[in-house]
Protein backbone atom coordinates (compact mmCIF):
# COMPACT_ATOMS: atom_id res chain seq x y z
CA UNK A 1 -12.64 4.10 -0.72
CA UNK A 2 -9.64 5.93 0.69
CA UNK A 3 -6.71 6.45 -1.66
CA UNK A 4 -3.13 6.84 -0.45
CA UNK A 5 -0.05 8.27 -2.13
CA UNK A 6 3.71 7.91 -1.74
CA UNK A 7 4.87 9.34 1.57
CA UNK A 8 1.61 8.47 3.37
CA UNK A 9 1.81 6.09 6.31
CA UNK A 10 0.07 2.74 5.75
CA UNK A 11 -3.05 2.84 7.98
CA UNK A 12 -3.74 -0.92 7.98
CA UNK A 13 -1.67 -3.95 7.03
CA UNK A 14 -3.02 -5.85 4.06
CA UNK A 15 -3.22 -6.12 0.29
CA UNK A 16 -3.37 -2.84 -1.61
CA UNK A 17 -4.13 -2.31 -5.28
CA UNK A 18 -1.58 0.05 -6.83
CA UNK A 19 -2.57 2.22 -9.78
CA UNK A 20 0.33 3.60 -11.81
CA UNK A 21 0.55 6.14 -14.60
CA UNK A 22 -1.32 4.46 -17.48
CA UNK A 23 1.69 4.76 -19.77
CA UNK A 24 3.90 2.99 -17.24
CA UNK A 25 2.18 -0.11 -15.78
CA UNK A 26 -1.13 -1.85 -15.27
CA UNK A 27 -2.66 -1.89 -11.75
CA UNK A 28 -1.42 -4.70 -9.49
CA UNK A 29 -1.62 -5.81 -5.86
CA UNK A 30 1.06 -5.44 -3.18
CA UNK A 31 1.34 -6.23 0.53
CA UNK A 32 1.81 -3.21 2.80
CA UNK A 33 2.55 -3.15 6.53
CA UNK A 34 0.83 -0.78 8.97
CA UNK A 35 3.04 2.10 10.06
CA UNK A 36 5.43 1.94 7.09
CA UNK A 37 5.71 4.77 4.57
CA UNK A 38 4.30 4.12 1.08
CA UNK A 39 7.10 4.34 -1.50
CA UNK A 40 7.20 6.27 -4.76
CA UNK A 41 7.40 4.48 -8.09
CA UNK A 42 10.55 5.06 -10.12
CA UNK A 43 8.61 5.06 -13.40
CA UNK A 44 5.49 7.10 -12.59
CA UNK A 45 4.96 10.80 -13.13
CA UNK A 46 2.49 13.31 -11.76
CA UNK A 47 -0.10 12.06 -9.30
CA UNK A 48 0.88 8.40 -9.29
CA UNK A 49 1.07 5.80 -7.93
CA UNK A 50 -2.04 5.54 -5.77
CA UNK A 51 -2.77 2.79 -3.24
CA UNK A 52 -6.24 1.49 -2.25
CA UNK A 53 -6.79 -1.11 0.46
CA UNK A 54 -8.22 -4.29 -1.08
CA UNK A 55 -8.03 -6.69 1.87
CA UNK A 56 -7.02 -5.80 5.43
CA UNK A 57 -4.98 -8.40 7.34
CA UNK A 58 -3.29 -8.20 10.72
CA UNK A 59 0.48 -8.57 10.44
CA UNK A 60 1.64 -11.49 12.58
CA UNK A 61 3.86 -9.22 14.69
CA UNK A 62 0.76 -7.17 15.65
CA UNK A 63 -1.41 -10.19 16.55
CA UNK A 64 -1.78 -10.67 20.33
CA UNK A 65 -1.34 -14.45 20.11
CA UNK A 66 2.20 -14.00 18.75
CA UNK A 67 3.45 -11.27 21.08
CA UNK A 68 5.73 -11.95 24.02
């Protein structure tokens, strides 16, 4: 499983599980869009947060049926 950090470019649109510093927050899921930069967390320190793709999904703007 590939792990991504703030500043990395989102490789695939979909649902990502975010793991924060244990003293800050519990893991949770977020939606990320391919090509966007992953943001930092204002409350984490050190090597966090980390993002792991849970479920890939094509963003509607990237789907051929919805392009003009």
